[in-house]
Amino acid sequence: MKQISEARTFDELLDIKYGKFGTEKRDEFEVKAKAFIVGEMIKEARKDAHLTQEQLATKTGTKKSYISRLENGKIDIQISTLFKIFEEGLGKRLGFTML
């Protein structure tokens, strides 16, 4: 079995640490990584809009604690809520690209 120090690419590192795509451990990592990325996107857009978590929560009909958990990648978000946060709360258009 390869050691982490032997990884030459980031993908190899992930394969060593979490397993190949499609394995339960890797799938769990990918879900958490994506939640983190979405949280960071929300946090960055909120800061660019000069809003506090409380202000964003008020604009979107949610709670500050919910915004905080989203920004920290602690919870999953429904697509409808994601659109509401970006479009109503932050005044941004949100689009998706299928790869």
C-alpha atoms as a PDB file:
ATOM      1  CA  MET A   1       0.000   0.000   0.000  1.00  0.00           C
ATOM      2  CA  LYS A   2       1.277   3.443  -0.915  1.00  0.00           C
ATOM      3  CA  GLN A   3       2.137   5.945   1.767  1.00  0.00           C
ATOM      4  CA  ILE A   4       0.915   9.542   1.665  1.00  0.00           C
ATOM      5  CA  SER A   5       4.492  10.717   1.216  1.00  0.00           C
ATOM      6  CA  GLU A   6       4.627   8.763  -2.064  1.00  0.00           C
ATOM      7  CA  ALA A   7       1.704  10.630  -3.643  1.00  0.00           C
ATOM      8  CA  ARG A   8       2.733  12.663  -6.669  1.00  0.00           C
ATOM      9  CA  THR A   9      -0.624  14.332  -7.341  1.00  0.00           C
ATOM     10  CA  PHE A  10      -3.519  15.544  -5.229  1.00  0.00           C
ATOM     11  CA  ASP A  11      -5.738  12.814  -6.698  1.00  0.00           C
ATOM     12  CA  GLU A  12      -3.204  10.166  -5.647  1.00  0.00           C
ATOM     13  CA  LEU A  13      -3.162  11.651  -2.161  1.00  0.00           C
ATOM     14  CA  LEU A  14      -6.951  11.421  -1.946  1.00  0.00           C
ATOM     15  CA  ASP A  15      -6.879   7.846  -3.278  1.00  0.00           C
ATOM     16  CA  ILE A  16      -4.381   6.855  -0.592  1.00  0.00           C
ATOM     17  CA  LYS A  17      -6.114   8.644   2.264  1.00  0.00           C
ATOM     18  CA  TYR A  18      -9.788   8.103   1.366  1.00  0.00           C
ATOM     19  CA  GLY A  19      -9.860   5.359  -1.270  1.00  0.00           C
ATOM     20  CA  LYS A  20     -10.894   5.414  -4.907  1.00  0.00           C
ATOM     21  CA  PHE A  21     -13.994   7.159  -6.241  1.00  0.00           C
ATOM     22  CA  GLY A  22     -17.064   5.104  -5.478  1.00  0.00           C
ATOM     23  CA  THR A  23     -15.875   3.766  -2.145  1.00  0.00           C
ATOM     24  CA  GLU A  24     -17.902   4.712   0.917  1.00  0.00           C
ATOM     25  CA  LYS A  25     -15.045   6.570   2.636  1.00  0.00           C
ATOM     26  CA  ARG A  26     -14.188   8.567  -0.506  1.00  0.00           C
ATOM     27  CA  ASP A  27     -17.832   9.396  -1.224  1.00  0.00           C
ATOM     28  CA  GLU A  28     -18.227  10.697   2.332  1.00  0.00           C
ATOM     29  CA  PHE A  29     -15.111  12.850   1.916  1.00  0.00           C
ATOM     30  CA  GLU A  30     -16.371  14.252  -1.408  1.00  0.00           C
ATOM     31  CA  VAL A  31     -19.729  15.227   0.114  1.00  0.00           C
ATOM     32  CA  LYS A  32     -18.022  17.016   3.011  1.00  0.00           C
ATOM     33  CA  ALA A  33     -15.563  18.733   0.670  1.00  0.00           C
ATOM     34  CA  LYS A  34     -18.393  20.046  -1.503  1.00  0.00           C
ATOM     35  CA  ALA A  35     -20.304  21.287   1.557  1.00  0.00           C
ATOM     36  CA  PHE A  36     -17.157  23.133   2.626  1.00  0.00           C
ATOM     37  CA  ILE A  37     -16.778  24.710  -0.821  1.00  0.00           C
ATOM     38  CA  VAL A  38     -20.409  25.875  -0.920  1.00  0.00           C
ATOM     39  CA  GLY A  39     -20.017  27.280   2.593  1.00  0.00           C
ATOM     40  CA  GLU A  40     -16.923  29.210   1.581  1.00  0.00           C
ATOM     41  CA  MET A  41     -18.724  30.576  -1.487  1.00  0.00           C
ATOM     42  CA  ILE A  42     -21.597  31.798   0.679  1.00  0.00           C
ATOM     43  CA  LYS A  43     -19.232  33.328   3.236  1.00  0.00           C
ATOM     44  CA  GLU A  44     -17.167  35.121   0.582  1.00  0.00           C
ATOM     45  CA  ALA A  45     -20.249  36.470  -1.216  1.00  0.00           C
ATOM     46  CA  ARG A  46     -21.738  37.606   2.105  1.00  0.00           C
ATOM     47  CA  LYS A  47     -18.561  39.465   3.026  1.00  0.00           C
ATOM     48  CA  ASP A  48     -18.358  41.024  -0.452  1.00  0.00           C
ATOM     49  CA  ALA A  49     -21.934  42.269   0.064  1.00  0.00           C
ATOM     50  CA  HIS A  50     -20.886  43.737   3.447  1.00  0.00           C
ATOM     51  CA  LEU A  51     -23.525  41.722   5.290  1.00  0.00           C
ATOM     52  CA  THR A  52     -23.336  40.019   8.657  1.00  0.00           C
ATOM     53  CA  GLN A  53     -24.660  36.517   9.087  1.00  0.00           C
ATOM     54  CA  GLU A  54     -27.601  38.022  10.953  1.00  0.00           C
ATOM     55  CA  GLN A  55     -28.405  40.423   8.095  1.00  0.00           C
ATOM     56  CA  LEU A  56     -28.220  37.639   5.506  1.00  0.00           C
ATOM     57  CA  ALA A  57     -30.453  35.456   7.658  1.00  0.00           C
ATOM     58  CA  THR A  58     -33.022  38.240   7.939  1.00  0.00           C
ATOM     59  CA  LYS A  59     -33.013  38.845   4.173  1.00  0.00           C
ATOM     60  CA  THR A  60     -33.545  35.154   3.442  1.00  0.00           C
ATOM     61  CA  GLY A  61     -35.967  34.244   6.234  1.00  0.00           C
ATOM     62  CA  THR A  62     -33.519  31.950   8.003  1.00  0.00           C
ATOM     63  CA  LYS A  63     -31.600  32.147  11.273  1.00  0.00           C
ATOM     64  CA  LYS A  64     -28.061  33.329  11.945  1.00  0.00           C
ATOM     65  CA  SER A  65     -27.195  29.882  13.323  1.00  0.00           C
ATOM     66  CA  TYR A  66     -28.310  28.310  10.032  1.00  0.00           C
ATOM     67  CA  ILE A  67     -26.103  30.672   7.995  1.00  0.00           C
ATOM     68  CA  SER A  68     -23.202  29.926  10.342  1.00  0.00           C
ATOM     69  CA  ARG A  69     -23.632  26.154   9.978  1.00  0.00           C
ATOM     70  CA  LEU A  70     -23.816  26.531   6.178  1.00  0.00           C
ATOM     71  CA  GLU A  71     -20.673  28.644   6.056  1.00  0.00           C
ATOM     72  CA  ASN A  72     -18.851  26.071   8.163  1.00  0.00           C
ATOM     73  CA  GLY A  73     -19.942  23.165   5.957  1.00  0.00           C
ATOM     74  CA  LYS A  74     -21.788  21.530   8.849  1.00  0.00           C
ATOM     75  CA  ILE A  75     -25.136  20.964   7.133  1.00  0.00           C
ATOM     76  CA  ASP A  76     -26.518  20.151   3.723  1.00  0.00           C
ATOM     77  CA  ILE A  77     -28.451  22.803   1.869  1.00  0.00           C
ATOM     78  CA  GLN A  78     -31.522  22.398  -0.294  1.00  0.00           C
ATOM     79  CA  ILE A  79     -31.211  23.784  -3.811  1.00  0.00           C
ATOM     80  CA  SER A  80     -34.152  26.130  -3.262  1.00  0.00           C
ATOM     81  CA  THR A  81     -32.466  27.588  -0.174  1.00  0.00           C
ATOM     82  CA  LEU A  82     -29.162  27.939  -2.012  1.00  0.00           C
ATOM     83  CA  PHE A  83     -30.881  29.965  -4.739  1.00  0.00           C
ATOM     84  CA  LYS A  84     -32.707  32.057  -2.137  1.00  0.00           C
ATOM     85  CA  ILE A  85     -29.485  32.898  -0.298  1.00  0.00           C
ATOM     86  CA  PHE A  86     -27.576  33.897  -3.412  1.00  0.00           C
ATOM     87  CA  GLU A  87     -30.359  35.566  -5.362  1.00  0.00           C
ATOM     88  CA  GLU A  88     -32.544  37.194  -2.693  1.00  0.00           C
ATOM     89  CA  GLY A  89     -30.008  37.549   0.078  1.00  0.00           C
ATOM     90  CA  LEU A  90     -26.891  38.436  -1.882  1.00  0.00           C
ATOM     91  CA  GLY A  91     -28.284  39.790  -5.150  1.00  0.00           C
ATOM     92  CA  LYS A  92     -26.296  37.281  -7.212  1.00  0.00           C
ATOM     93  CA  ARG A  93     -27.358  35.034 -10.062  1.00  0.00           C
ATOM     94  CA  LEU A  94     -26.656  31.370  -9.504  1.00  0.00           C
ATOM     95  CA  GLY A  95     -26.083  28.897 -12.319  1.00  0.00           C
ATOM     96  CA  PHE A  96     -24.957  25.306 -12.618  1.00  0.00           C
ATOM     97  CA  THR A  97     -22.701  23.575 -15.071  1.00  0.00           C
ATOM     98  CA  MET A  98     -22.902  19.841 -15.664  1.00  0.00           C
ATOM     99  CA  LEU A  99     -19.527  18.215 -16.292  1.00  0.00           C
END
